[in-house]
C-alpha atoms as a PDB file:
ATOM      1  CA  MET A   1       0.000   0.000   0.000  1.00  0.00           C
ATOM      2  CA  ALA A   2       2.678   2.510   1.008  1.00  0.00           C
ATOM      3  CA  SER A   3       4.834   1.713  -2.023  1.00  0.00           C
ATOM      4  CA  LEU A   4       1.843   2.171  -4.299  1.00  0.00           C
ATOM      5  CA  LEU A   5       1.087   5.601  -2.863  1.00  0.00           C
ATOM      6  CA  LEU A   6       4.752   6.542  -3.091  1.00  0.00           C
ATOM      7  CA  ALA A   7       4.800   5.621  -6.768  1.00  0.00           C
ATOM      8  CA  LEU A   8       1.713   7.723  -7.451  1.00  0.00           C
ATOM      9  CA  THR A   9       3.152  10.679  -5.567  1.00  0.00           C
ATOM     10  CA  CYS A  10       6.727  10.714  -6.796  1.00  0.00           C
ATOM     11  CA  ALA A  11       6.614   9.543 -10.389  1.00  0.00           C
ATOM     12  CA  PRO A  12       3.433  10.602 -12.167  1.00  0.00           C
ATOM     13  CA  ALA A  13       5.265  11.517 -15.364  1.00  0.00           C
ATOM     14  CA  LEU A  14       6.586   8.004 -15.824  1.00  0.00           C
ATOM     15  CA  ALA A  15       3.160   6.573 -15.202  1.00  0.00           C
ATOM     16  CA  LEU A  16       1.618   8.809 -17.827  1.00  0.00           C
ATOM     17  CA  ALA A  17       4.035   7.552 -20.460  1.00  0.00           C
ATOM     18  CA  GLN A  18       2.426   4.119 -20.360  1.00  0.00           C
ATOM     19  CA  GLY A  19      -1.084   5.092 -21.456  1.00  0.00           C
ATOM     20  CA  SER A  20      -1.941   6.760 -24.713  1.00  0.00           C
ATOM     21  CA  ASP A  21      -5.387   7.759 -23.384  1.00  0.00           C
ATOM     22  CA  ALA A  22      -3.975   9.616 -20.368  1.00  0.00           C
ATOM     23  CA  PRO A  23      -3.866  13.427 -20.422  1.00  0.00           C
ATOM     24  CA  ALA A  24      -0.610  15.210 -21.276  1.00  0.00           C
ATOM     25  CA  GLN A  25      -0.348  16.776 -17.837  1.00  0.00           C
ATOM     26  CA  VAL A  26      -1.483  15.513 -14.449  1.00  0.00           C
ATOM     27  CA  SER A  27      -2.317  18.072 -11.793  1.00  0.00           C
ATOM     28  CA  ASP A  28      -1.749  17.734  -8.103  1.00  0.00           C
ATOM     29  CA  ALA A  29      -5.509  17.290  -7.711  1.00  0.00           C
ATOM     30  CA  ASP A  30      -5.448  14.392 -10.197  1.00  0.00           C
ATOM     31  CA  ARG A  31      -2.617  12.691  -8.310  1.00  0.00           C
ATOM     32  CA  ALA A  32      -4.465  13.151  -5.021  1.00  0.00           C
ATOM     33  CA  THR A  33      -7.663  11.730  -6.514  1.00  0.00           C
ATOM     34  CA  ALA A  34      -5.864   8.708  -7.996  1.00  0.00           C
ATOM     35  CA  ARG A  35      -4.060   8.129  -4.695  1.00  0.00           C
ATOM     36  CA  SER A  36      -7.362   8.203  -2.766  1.00  0.00           C
ATOM     37  CA  LEU A  37      -9.002   5.833  -5.243  1.00  0.00           C
ATOM     38  CA  ALA A  38      -6.063   3.431  -4.968  1.00  0.00           C
ATOM     39  CA  VAL A  39      -6.388   3.361  -1.189  1.00  0.00           C
ATOM     40  CA  GLU A  40     -10.104   2.623  -1.454  1.00  0.00           C
ATOM     41  CA  GLY A  41      -9.437  -0.063  -4.052  1.00  0.00           C
ATOM     42  CA  GLN A  42      -6.868  -1.829  -1.891  1.00  0.00           C
ATOM     43  CA  GLU A  43      -9.175  -1.691   1.136  1.00  0.00           C
ATOM     44  CA  ALA A  44     -11.967  -3.237  -0.988  1.00  0.00           C
ATOM     45  CA  LEU A  45      -9.601  -6.012  -2.102  1.00  0.00           C
ATOM     46  CA  ASP A  46      -8.658  -6.729   1.499  1.00  0.00           C
ATOM     47  CA  ARG A  47     -12.320  -7.211   2.463  1.00  0.00           C
ATOM     48  CA  ARG A  48     -12.983  -9.172  -0.794  1.00  0.00           C
ATOM     49  CA  ASP A  49     -15.396  -6.582  -2.176  1.00  0.00           C
ATOM     50  CA  PHE A  50     -14.140  -7.183  -5.686  1.00  0.00           C
ATOM     51  CA  SER A  51     -16.776  -5.075  -7.469  1.00  0.00           C
ATOM     52  CA  ALA A  52     -15.811  -1.980  -5.478  1.00  0.00           C
ATOM     53  CA  ALA A  53     -12.104  -2.773  -5.914  1.00  0.00           C
ATOM     54  CA  LEU A  54     -12.488  -3.030  -9.689  1.00  0.00           C
ATOM     55  CA  ASP A  55     -14.336   0.290  -9.798  1.00  0.00           C
ATOM     56  CA  ARG A  56     -11.761   2.168  -7.671  1.00  0.00           C
ATOM     57  CA  PHE A  57      -8.642   0.777  -9.335  1.00  0.00           C
ATOM     58  CA  GLY A  58     -10.176   1.260 -12.782  1.00  0.00           C
ATOM     59  CA  ARG A  59     -10.926   4.932 -12.052  1.00  0.00           C
ATOM     60  CA  ALA A  60      -7.453   5.515 -10.606  1.00  0.00           C
ATOM     61  CA  ASP A  61      -5.787   3.892 -13.629  1.00  0.00           C
ATOM     62  CA  ALA A  62      -7.839   6.082 -15.958  1.00  0.00           C
ATOM     63  CA  ILE A  63      -6.392   9.162 -14.235  1.00  0.00           C
ATOM     64  CA  ILE A  64      -2.781   7.958 -13.890  1.00  0.00           C
ATOM     65  CA  HIS A  65      -2.038   4.805 -15.869  1.00  0.00           C
ATOM     66  CA  ALA A  66       0.449   2.701 -13.954  1.00  0.00           C
ATOM     67  CA  PRO A  67       1.267  -1.043 -13.647  1.00  0.00           C
ATOM     68  CA  THR A  68       0.548  -0.896  -9.928  1.00  0.00           C
ATOM     69  CA  LEU A  69      -3.036   0.262 -10.557  1.00  0.00           C
ATOM     70  CA  LEU A  70      -3.616  -2.151 -13.444  1.00  0.00           C
ATOM     71  CA  LEU A  71      -2.426  -4.948 -11.176  1.00  0.00           C
ATOM     72  CA  GLY A  72      -5.208  -4.009  -8.748  1.00  0.00           C
ATOM     73  CA  VAL A  73      -7.682  -4.144 -11.650  1.00  0.00           C
ATOM     74  CA  ALA A  74      -6.479  -7.651 -12.610  1.00  0.00           C
ATOM     75  CA  ARG A  75      -6.765  -8.949  -9.050  1.00  0.00           C
ATOM     76  CA  ALA A  76     -10.314  -7.607  -8.731  1.00  0.00           C
ATOM     77  CA  GLN A  77     -11.224  -9.282 -12.028  1.00  0.00           C
ATOM     78  CA  VAL A  78      -9.905 -12.601 -10.771  1.00  0.00           C
ATOM     79  CA  GLY A  79     -12.018 -12.256  -7.644  1.00  0.00           C
ATOM     80  CA  LEU A  80     -15.132 -11.606  -9.758  1.00  0.00           C
ATOM     81  CA  GLY A  81     -14.532 -14.679 -11.908  1.00  0.00           C
ATOM     82  CA  GLN A  82     -13.672 -12.545 -14.923  1.00  0.00           C
ATOM     83  CA  TRP A  83     -10.609 -14.620 -15.643  1.00  0.00           C
ATOM     84  CA  ILE A  84     -10.354 -13.855 -19.354  1.00  0.00           C
ATOM     85  CA  ALA A  85     -10.382 -10.103 -18.670  1.00  0.00           C
ATOM     86  CA  ALA A  86      -7.871 -10.590 -15.836  1.00  0.00           C
ATOM     87  CA  GLN A  87      -5.589 -12.528 -18.174  1.00  0.00           C
ATOM     88  CA  GLU A  88      -5.639  -9.599 -20.584  1.00  0.00           C
ATOM     89  CA  SER A  89      -4.937  -7.104 -17.787  1.00  0.00           C
ATOM     90  CA  TYR A  90      -1.922  -9.126 -16.631  1.00  0.00           C
ATOM     91  CA  SER A  91      -0.712  -9.470 -20.219  1.00  0.00           C
ATOM     92  CA  ARG A  92      -1.006  -5.714 -20.760  1.00  0.00           C
ATOM     93  CA  ILE A  93       1.196  -5.045 -17.731  1.00  0.00           C
ATOM     94  CA  LEU A  94       3.828  -7.379 -19.172  1.00  0.00           C
ATOM     95  CA  ARG A  95       3.580  -5.885 -22.680  1.00  0.00           C
ATOM     96  CA  GLU A  96       3.888  -2.293 -21.509  1.00  0.00           C
ATOM     97  CA  GLY A  97       6.598  -2.894 -18.914  1.00  0.00           C
ATOM     98  CA  ALA A  98       8.142   0.182 -17.280  1.00  0.00           C
ATOM     99  CA  PRO A  99      10.853   2.526 -18.596  1.00  0.00           C
ATOM    100  CA  GLU A 100      14.182   2.911 -16.867  1.00  0.00           C
ATOM    101  CA  GLY A 101      14.042   5.170 -13.878  1.00  0.00           C
ATOM    102  CA  SER A 102      10.517   4.095 -12.927  1.00  0.00           C
ATOM    103  CA  PRO A 103       9.765   3.641  -9.217  1.00  0.00           C
ATOM    104  CA  GLU A 104      10.625   0.221  -7.820  1.00  0.00           C
ATOM    105  CA  PRO A 105       6.904  -0.587  -7.137  1.00  0.00           C
ATOM    106  CA  PHE A 106       6.342  -0.527 -10.902  1.00  0.00           C
ATOM    107  CA  PHE A 107       8.894  -3.317 -11.463  1.00  0.00           C
ATOM    108  CA  GLU A 108       7.521  -5.234  -8.512  1.00  0.00           C
ATOM    109  CA  ALA A 109       4.025  -4.980 -10.048  1.00  0.00           C
ATOM    110  CA  ILE A 110       5.358  -6.396 -13.344  1.00  0.00           C
ATOM    111  CA  LYS A 111       6.939  -9.374 -11.555  1.00  0.00           C
ATOM    112  CA  ALA A 112       3.738  -9.964  -9.586  1.00  0.00           C
ATOM    113  CA  ALA A 113       1.712  -9.845 -12.810  1.00  0.00           C
ATOM    114  CA  GLN A 114       3.911 -12.549 -14.359  1.00  0.00           C
ATOM    115  CA  ARG A 115       3.599 -14.827 -11.301  1.00  0.00           C
ATOM    116  CA  GLU A 116      -0.161 -14.404 -11.040  1.00  0.00           C
ATOM    117  CA  LEU A 117      -0.694 -14.888 -14.777  1.00  0.00           C
ATOM    118  CA  ASP A 118       1.310 -18.126 -14.708  1.00  0.00           C
ATOM    119  CA  ALA A 119      -0.850 -19.344 -11.825  1.00  0.00           C
ATOM    120  CA  LEU A 120      -4.114 -18.270 -13.464  1.00  0.00           C
ATOM    121  CA  ALA A 121      -3.598 -19.619 -16.991  1.00  0.00           C
ATOM    122  CA  PRO A 122      -3.959 -23.355 -16.205  1.00  0.00           C
ATOM    123  CA  ARG A 123      -7.093 -22.663 -14.128  1.00  0.00           C
ATOM    124  CA  ILE A 124      -9.013 -21.062 -17.008  1.00  0.00           C
ATOM    125  CA  PRO A 125     -11.623 -23.479 -18.426  1.00  0.00           C
ATOM    126  CA  GLN A 126     -12.015 -23.999 -22.153  1.00  0.00           C
ATOM    127  CA  VAL A 127     -14.848 -24.925 -24.445  1.00  0.00           C
ATOM    128  CA  LEU A 128     -14.631 -26.648 -27.832  1.00  0.00           C
ATOM    129  CA  ILE A 129     -17.648 -25.846 -29.999  1.00  0.00           C
ATOM    130  CA  GLN A 130     -18.607 -28.205 -32.823  1.00  0.00           C
ATOM    131  CA  VAL A 131     -21.375 -27.286 -35.286  1.00  0.00           C
ATOM    132  CA  SER A 132     -22.944 -29.692 -37.757  1.00  0.00           C
ATOM    133  CA  GLY A 133     -25.604 -29.203 -40.401  1.00  0.00           C
ATOM    134  CA  SER A 134     -24.348 -25.901 -41.816  1.00  0.00           C
ATOM    135  CA  ASP A 135     -20.990 -24.355 -42.638  1.00  0.00           C
ATOM    136  CA  ALA A 136     -22.409 -20.820 -42.372  1.00  0.00           C
ATOM    137  CA  ALA A 137     -23.647 -20.942 -38.782  1.00  0.00           C
ATOM    138  CA  ASP A 138     -23.405 -17.962 -36.448  1.00  0.00           C
ATOM    139  CA  VAL A 139     -22.386 -18.967 -32.924  1.00  0.00           C
ATOM    140  CA  THR A 140     -22.621 -16.967 -29.706  1.00  0.00           C
ATOM    141  CA  ILE A 141     -21.602 -17.576 -26.108  1.00  0.00           C
ATOM    142  CA  ASP A 142     -23.845 -15.697 -23.692  1.00  0.00           C
ATOM    143  CA  GLY A 143     -24.903 -13.481 -26.584  1.00  0.00           C
ATOM    144  CA  GLU A 144     -21.327 -12.597 -27.602  1.00  0.00           C
ATOM    145  CA  PRO A 145     -20.429 -13.670 -31.156  1.00  0.00           C
ATOM    146  CA  VAL A 146     -17.746 -16.303 -31.661  1.00  0.00           C
ATOM    147  CA  PRO A 147     -15.601 -15.946 -34.817  1.00  0.00           C
ATOM    148  CA  ARG A 148     -16.078 -18.795 -37.245  1.00  0.00           C
ATOM    149  CA  ALA A 149     -12.350 -19.361 -37.167  1.00  0.00           C
ATOM    150  CA  ALA A 150     -12.699 -20.216 -33.470  1.00  0.00           C
ATOM    151  CA  ILE A 151     -15.243 -22.988 -34.142  1.00  0.00           C
ATOM    152  CA  GLY A 152     -13.750 -26.436 -33.662  1.00  0.00           C
ATOM    153  CA  VAL A 153     -10.844 -25.258 -31.499  1.00  0.00           C
ATOM    154  CA  LYS A 154     -10.520 -24.741 -27.763  1.00  0.00           C
ATOM    155  CA  ARG A 155     -11.672 -21.340 -26.581  1.00  0.00           C
ATOM    156  CA  PRO A 156     -10.940 -20.030 -23.068  1.00  0.00           C
ATOM    157  CA  VAL A 157     -13.979 -18.832 -21.127  1.00  0.00           C
ATOM    158  CA  ASP A 158     -14.749 -17.749 -17.586  1.00  0.00           C
ATOM    159  CA  PRO A 159     -15.823 -20.465 -15.153  1.00  0.00           C
ATOM    160  CA  GLY A 160     -19.537 -20.938 -14.499  1.00  0.00           C
ATOM    161  CA  GLU A 161     -22.669 -21.483 -16.573  1.00  0.00           C
ATOM    162  CA  HIS A 162     -22.752 -20.383 -20.214  1.00  0.00           C
ATOM    163  CA  THR A 163     -25.293 -20.527 -23.037  1.00  0.00           C
ATOM    164  CA  VAL A 164     -23.955 -21.537 -26.440  1.00  0.00           C
ATOM    165  CA  ARG A 165     -26.276 -20.858 -29.388  1.00  0.00           C
ATOM    166  CA  ALA A 166     -26.018 -21.505 -33.124  1.00  0.00           C
ATOM    167  CA  THR A 167     -28.213 -20.093 -35.897  1.00  0.00           C
ATOM    168  CA  ALA A 168     -28.194 -20.376 -39.683  1.00  0.00           C
ATOM    169  CA  ALA A 169     -30.527 -19.397 -42.490  1.00  0.00           C
ATOM    170  CA  GLY A 170     -32.952 -22.205 -43.263  1.00  0.00           C
ATOM    171  CA  PHE A 171     -32.230 -24.056 -40.010  1.00  0.00           C
ATOM    172  CA  SER A 172     -33.866 -24.184 -36.608  1.00  0.00           C
ATOM    173  CA  PRO A 173     -31.689 -22.468 -33.977  1.00  0.00           C
ATOM    174  CA  VAL A 174     -30.107 -24.722 -31.373  1.00  0.00           C
ATOM    175  CA  GLU A 175     -29.013 -23.759 -27.864  1.00  0.00           C
ATOM    176  CA  VAL A 176     -27.008 -25.637 -25.224  1.00  0.00           C
ATOM    177  CA  LYS A 177     -26.211 -24.678 -21.631  1.00  0.00           C
ATOM    178  CA  VAL A 178     -22.871 -25.768 -20.217  1.00  0.00           C
ATOM    179  CA  THR A 179     -21.296 -25.296 -16.796  1.00  0.00           C
ATOM    180  CA  LEU A 180     -17.504 -25.037 -16.790  1.00  0.00           C
ATOM    181  CA  SER A 181     -15.457 -25.678 -13.690  1.00  0.00           C
ATOM    182  CA  GLU A 182     -11.905 -24.535 -13.006  1.00  0.00           C
ATOM    183  CA  GLY A 183      -9.403 -26.034 -15.444  1.00  0.00           C
ATOM    184  CA  ALA A 184     -12.050 -28.064 -17.291  1.00  0.00           C
ATOM    185  CA  THR A 185     -12.405 -28.513 -21.044  1.00  0.00           C
ATOM    186  CA  GLU A 186     -15.901 -29.188 -22.367  1.00  0.00           C
ATOM    187  CA  THR A 187     -17.078 -30.048 -25.874  1.00  0.00           C
ATOM    188  CA  VAL A 188     -20.377 -28.547 -26.989  1.00  0.00           C
ATOM    189  CA  ALA A 189     -21.991 -30.151 -30.046  1.00  0.00           C
ATOM    190  CA  LEU A 190     -24.620 -28.071 -31.868  1.00  0.00           C
ATOM    191  CA  ALA A 191     -26.577 -29.975 -34.531  1.00  0.00           C
ATOM    192  CA  LEU A 192     -28.572 -27.666 -36.804  1.00  0.00           C
ATOM    193  CA  ARG A 193     -31.681 -29.152 -38.405  1.00  0.00           C
ATOM    194  CA  PRO A 194     -33.337 -27.785 -41.562  1.00  0.00           C
ATOM    195  CA  LEU A 195     -36.627 -26.003 -41.122  1.00  0.00           C
ATOM    196  CA  ALA A 196     -39.713 -27.902 -42.244  1.00  0.00           C
ATOM    197  CA  PRO A 197     -40.816 -26.854 -45.756  1.00  0.00           C
ATOM    198  CA  PRO A 198     -43.775 -24.491 -45.745  1.00  0.00           C
ATOM    199  CA  LEU A 199     -47.168 -26.027 -46.431  1.00  0.00           C
ATOM    200  CA  ALA A 200     -48.522 -25.568 -49.948  1.00  0.00           C
ATOM    201  CA  ALA A 201     -51.056 -22.805 -50.175  1.00  0.00           C
ATOM    202  CA  ALA A 202     -54.623 -24.042 -50.459  1.00  0.00           C
ATOM    203  CA  PRO A 203     -56.407 -23.192 -53.738  1.00  0.00           C
ATOM    204  CA  PRO A 204     -58.700 -20.203 -53.470  1.00  0.00           C
ATOM    205  CA  LEU A 205     -62.304 -21.039 -52.739  1.00  0.00           C
ATOM    206  CA  ALA A 206     -64.884 -20.279 -55.386  1.00  0.00           C
ATOM    207  CA  ALA A 207     -66.758 -17.104 -54.697  1.00  0.00           C
ATOM    208  CA  ALA A 208     -70.191 -17.698 -53.248  1.00  0.00           C
ATOM    209  CA  PRO A 209     -73.072 -16.400 -55.378  1.00  0.00           C
ATOM    210  CA  PRO A 210     -74.414 -13.071 -54.176  1.00  0.00           C
ATOM    211  CA  PRO A 211     -77.568 -13.304 -52.063  1.00  0.00           C
ATOM    212  CA  ARG A 212     -80.763 -12.689 -53.925  1.00  0.00           C
ATOM    213  CA  SER A 213     -82.475  -9.461 -53.191  1.00  0.00           C
ATOM    214  CA  ALA A 214     -85.945  -9.230 -51.748  1.00  0.00           C
ATOM    215  CA  ALA A 215     -87.144  -7.918 -55.110  1.00  0.00           C
ATOM    216  CA  SER A 216     -86.129 -11.114 -56.948  1.00  0.00           C
ATOM    217  CA  THR A 217     -87.672 -13.462 -54.373  1.00  0.00           C
ATOM    218  CA  PRO A 218     -90.404 -11.388 -52.736  1.00  0.00           C
ATOM    219  CA  ASP A 219     -92.341 -14.327 -51.386  1.00  0.00           C
ATOM    220  CA  ARG A 220     -89.792 -16.668 -49.702  1.00  0.00           C
ATOM    221  CA  GLY A 221     -88.540 -14.614 -46.782  1.00  0.00           C
ATOM    222  CA  PRO A 222     -91.990 -13.418 -45.620  1.00  0.00           C
ATOM    223  CA  VAL A 223     -93.568 -16.846 -46.231  1.00  0.00           C
ATOM    224  CA  ALA A 224     -90.877 -18.636 -44.216  1.00  0.00           C
ATOM    225  CA  SER A 225     -91.191 -16.113 -41.426  1.00  0.00           C
ATOM    226  CA  SER A 226     -94.988 -16.227 -41.473  1.00  0.00           C
ATOM    227  CA  GLY A 227     -95.144 -20.025 -41.647  1.00  0.00           C
ATOM    228  CA  GLY A 228     -92.606 -20.464 -38.858  1.00  0.00           C
ATOM    229  CA  ARG A 229     -94.407 -18.030 -36.561  1.00  0.00           C
ATOM    230  CA  THR A 230     -97.765 -19.630 -37.253  1.00  0.00           C
ATOM    231  CA  THR A 231     -96.365 -23.112 -36.651  1.00  0.00           C
ATOM    232  CA  LEU A 232     -94.915 -22.026 -33.324  1.00  0.00           C
ATOM    233  CA  GLY A 233     -98.290 -20.529 -32.418  1.00  0.00           C
ATOM    234  CA  ILE A 234    -100.086 -23.804 -33.185  1.00  0.00           C
ATOM    235  CA  VAL A 235     -97.527 -25.775 -31.153  1.00  0.00           C
ATOM    236  CA  ALA A 236     -97.954 -23.373 -28.235  1.00  0.00           C
ATOM    237  CA  LEU A 237    -101.744 -23.752 -28.447  1.00  0.00           C
ATOM    238  CA  GLY A 238    -101.359 -27.516 -28.391  1.00  0.00           C
ATOM    239  CA  LEU A 239     -99.128 -27.432 -25.337  1.00  0.00           C
ATOM    240  CA  GLY A 240    -101.503 -24.987 -23.683  1.00  0.00           C
ATOM    241  CA  GLY A 241    -104.403 -27.355 -24.370  1.00  0.00           C
ATOM    242  CA  ILE A 242    -102.470 -30.238 -22.803  1.00  0.00           C
ATOM    243  CA  GLY A 243    -101.820 -28.090 -19.749  1.00  0.00           C
ATOM    244  CA  LEU A 244    -105.469 -27.111 -19.456  1.00  0.00           C
ATOM    245  CA  GLY A 245    -106.534 -30.733 -19.856  1.00  0.00           C
ATOM    246  CA  ALA A 246    -104.127 -31.906 -17.192  1.00  0.00           C
ATOM    247  CA  GLY A 247    -105.305 -29.115 -14.889  1.00  0.00           C
ATOM    248  CA  ALA A 248    -108.928 -30.061 -15.439  1.00  0.00           C
ATOM    249  CA  VAL A 249    -108.330 -33.760 -14.749  1.00  0.00           C
ATOM    250  CA  ALA A 250    -106.284 -33.008 -11.646  1.00  0.00           C
ATOM    251  CA  GLY A 251    -108.921 -30.550 -10.488  1.00  0.00           C
ATOM    252  CA  ALA A 252    -111.689 -33.128 -10.932  1.00  0.00           C
ATOM    253  CA  LEU A 253    -109.721 -35.656  -8.885  1.00  0.00           C
ATOM    254  CA  ALA A 254    -109.044 -33.034  -6.213  1.00  0.00           C
ATOM    255  CA  VAL A 255    -112.803 -32.228  -6.002  1.00  0.00           C
ATOM    256  CA  SER A 256    -113.614 -35.907  -5.720  1.00  0.00           C
ATOM    257  CA  LYS A 257    -111.073 -36.422  -2.931  1.00  0.00           C
ATOM    258  CA  HIS A 258    -112.310 -33.325  -1.150  1.00  0.00           C
ATOM    259  CA  GLY A 259    -115.865 -34.691  -1.114  1.00  0.00           C
ATOM    260  CA  ASP A 260    -114.673 -38.041   0.187  1.00  0.00           C
ATOM    261  CA  LEU A 261    -112.576 -36.455   2.924  1.00  0.00           C
ATOM    262  CA  SER A 262    -115.446 -34.157   3.936  1.00  0.00           C
ATOM    263  CA  GLU A 263    -117.529 -37.246   4.764  1.00  0.00           C
ATOM    264  CA  ARG A 264    -114.689 -39.044   6.568  1.00  0.00           C
ATOM    265  CA  CYS A 265    -113.372 -36.029   8.447  1.00  0.00           C
ATOM    266  CA  PRO A 266    -116.208 -34.517  10.532  1.00  0.00           C
ATOM    267  CA  ARG A 267    -115.708 -30.875  11.409  1.00  0.00           C
ATOM    268  CA  GLY A 268    -112.483 -30.845   9.323  1.00  0.00           C
ATOM    269  CA  ARG A 269    -110.594 -33.207  11.625  1.00  0.00           C
ATOM    270  CA  CYS A 270    -109.145 -36.291   9.929  1.00  0.00           C
ATOM    271  CA  ASP A 271    -107.897 -39.461  11.500  1.00  0.00           C
ATOM    272  CA  PRO A 272    -104.078 -39.861  11.190  1.00  0.00           C
ATOM    273  CA  SER A 273    -104.650 -42.980   9.134  1.00  0.00           C
ATOM    274  CA  LEU A 274    -106.045 -40.720   6.381  1.00  0.00           C
ATOM    275  CA  ALA A 275    -102.764 -38.726   6.051  1.00  0.00           C
ATOM    276  CA  ASP A 276    -101.988 -40.275   2.644  1.00  0.00           C
ATOM    277  CA  ASP A 277    -105.414 -39.336   1.339  1.00  0.00           C
ATOM    278  CA  VAL A 278    -105.005 -35.786   2.588  1.00  0.00           C
ATOM    279  CA  ASP A 279    -101.571 -35.507   0.929  1.00  0.00           C
ATOM    280  CA  GLY A 280    -103.017 -36.850  -2.314  1.00  0.00           C
ATOM    281  CA  TYR A 281    -105.778 -34.237  -2.207  1.00  0.00           C
ATOM    282  CA  HIS A 282    -103.233 -31.425  -1.786  1.00  0.00           C
ATOM    283  CA  ALA A 283    -101.026 -32.856  -4.545  1.00  0.00           C
ATOM    284  CA  MET A 284    -103.938 -32.980  -6.986  1.00  0.00           C
ATOM    285  CA  GLY A 285    -104.838 -29.415  -6.107  1.00  0.00           C
ATOM    286  CA  THR A 286    -101.293 -28.252  -6.756  1.00  0.00           C
ATOM    287  CA  LEU A 287    -101.092 -30.176 -10.042  1.00  0.00           C
ATOM    288  CA  SER A 288    -104.403 -28.708 -11.141  1.00  0.00           C
ATOM    289  CA  THR A 289    -103.176 -25.176 -10.421  1.00  0.00           C
ATOM    290  CA  LEU A 290     -99.914 -25.741 -12.335  1.00  0.00           C
ATOM    291  CA  GLY A 291    -101.751 -27.335 -15.270  1.00  0.00           C
ATOM    292  CA  PHE A 292    -104.143 -24.413 -15.616  1.00  0.00           C
ATOM    293  CA  ALA A 293    -101.241 -21.899 -15.277  1.00  0.00           C
ATOM    294  CA  ILE A 294     -99.091 -23.620 -17.909  1.00  0.00           C
ATOM    295  CA  GLY A 295    -102.119 -24.065 -20.163  1.00  0.00           C
ATOM    296  CA  ALA A 296    -103.048 -20.424 -19.900  1.00  0.00           C
ATOM    297  CA  VAL A 297     -99.508 -19.321 -20.779  1.00  0.00           C
ATOM    298  CA  GLY A 298     -99.367 -21.720 -23.753  1.00  0.00           C
ATOM    299  CA  VAL A 299    -102.726 -20.679 -25.088  1.00  0.00           C
ATOM    300  CA  GLY A 300    -101.919 -16.991 -24.660  1.00  0.00           C
ATOM    301  CA  ALA A 301     -98.565 -17.359 -26.422  1.00  0.00           C
ATOM    302  CA  GLY A 302    -100.123 -19.394 -29.240  1.00  0.00           C
ATOM    303  CA  VAL A 303    -102.871 -16.871 -29.823  1.00  0.00           C
ATOM    304  CA  PHE A 304    -100.338 -14.030 -29.827  1.00  0.00           C
ATOM    305  CA  LEU A 305     -98.014 -15.766 -32.325  1.00  0.00           C
ATOM    306  CA  ILE A 306    -100.837 -16.679 -34.688  1.00  0.00           C
ATOM    307  CA  LEU A 307    -102.506 -13.278 -34.628  1.00  0.00           C
ATOM    308  CA  THR A 308     -99.210 -11.380 -35.071  1.00  0.00           C
ATOM    309  CA  ALA A 309     -97.765 -13.621 -37.809  1.00  0.00           C
ATOM    310  CA  PRO A 310     -97.121 -11.566 -41.006  1.00  0.00           C
ATOM    311  CA  ARG A 311     -99.178 -12.430 -44.054  1.00  0.00           C
ATOM    312  CA  SER A 312     -97.498 -12.874 -47.429  1.00  0.00           C
ATOM    313  CA  PRO A 313     -99.155 -11.693 -50.612  1.00  0.00           C
ATOM    314  CA  GLN A 314     -99.208 -15.255 -52.009  1.00  0.00           C
ATOM    315  CA  ARG A 315    -101.024 -16.505 -48.897  1.00  0.00           C
ATOM    316  CA  ALA A 316    -103.414 -13.690 -48.368  1.00  0.00           C
ATOM    317  CA  GLY A 317    -106.224 -16.291 -48.349  1.00  0.00           C
ATOM    318  CA  LEU A 318    -104.669 -18.171 -45.449  1.00  0.00           C
ATOM    319  CA  SER A 319    -106.803 -17.840 -42.307  1.00  0.00           C
ATOM    320  CA  VAL A 320    -105.888 -19.354 -38.944  1.00  0.00           C
ATOM    321  CA  SER A 321    -107.804 -18.749 -35.716  1.00  0.00           C
ATOM    322  CA  PRO A 322    -107.439 -20.279 -32.256  1.00  0.00           C
ATOM    323  CA  VAL A 323    -110.035 -22.654 -30.854  1.00  0.00           C
ATOM    324  CA  ILE A 324    -110.228 -22.958 -27.055  1.00  0.00           C
ATOM    325  CA  GLY A 325    -112.557 -25.192 -25.080  1.00  0.00           C
ATOM    326  CA  LEU A 326    -112.791 -26.804 -21.703  1.00  0.00           C
ATOM    327  CA  GLY A 327    -109.623 -28.814 -21.267  1.00  0.00           C
ATOM    328  CA  PHE A 328    -108.350 -28.281 -24.805  1.00  0.00           C
ATOM    329  CA  ALA A 329    -106.936 -25.649 -27.146  1.00  0.00           C
ATOM    330  CA  GLY A 330    -106.129 -25.642 -30.837  1.00  0.00           C
ATOM    331  CA  ALA A 331    -106.435 -23.737 -34.097  1.00  0.00           C
ATOM    332  CA  LYS A 332    -108.516 -23.932 -37.204  1.00  0.00           C
ATOM    333  CA  GLY A 333    -107.745 -22.342 -40.530  1.00  0.00           C
ATOM    334  CA  ARG A 334    -108.482 -22.022 -44.210  1.00  0.00           C
ATOM    335  CA  PHE A 335    -105.788 -22.513 -46.852  1.00  0.00           C
END
């Protein structure tokens, strides 16, 4: 920690020479900011808060590019499982080196980068992607494209779960999930299958003839409507007649039972042994009431339908009238 701060304080010019993106001049405020960020980054590394460490060291290196700060970036990347990015950070430290006269911590950072890279390289897992079915497939790992030249050869990836996907024109996409552990090499086979050919288009249906206007067939619509309404009216009258008949029969039975019970039950008091007869009397009375009610509704509906049915010109001579009697209902007409 102390050597890192000393390097940032005493040799900013040498640090600037390593990065082409760094500003031409570094102010005292910039050095102080980078120094503060480096302290925060190292503290985050010590408590294994690798996300915060990566942020602080990355900001410090953007202000004053130095191997000591990039080393902190690489170590944070290793802690986050970003081993491929860490490998590149270590390699950059080694490529850039440090000019003569640089602070000793710079050279120590370069040596540390070499040791840590040598230890990291064999731990990085690899995946070998094989694609069959198409020579023009596009392959991605976690959404990132893979060059076609890298298909069929080992490719280093970060440890953990990855999604490998292949697509090609005319083929159904295929996707495989693979989990890579430290130092492992996995083969992922992606077999592309041709899309099913599209179904042949059905021949066009013949156009339906246009509906005839009322002027061309003036009699059919009204006749059908009139006949259907009249038929329904006759049916309703018939059902009403059945209801009235049933009500009349049930009423007659109820009257008969009432007379019998009046004789057997003086002053309206019946012996318990006559309970079934009393229940039968009440049942017949109820049935008679329902029969007359249903019959009345049926007859009323039938009369209404028949009297309100439209008359067609061709059947102007048609005459239908309801016939209602005791216990029956119907219709009579002239055609």
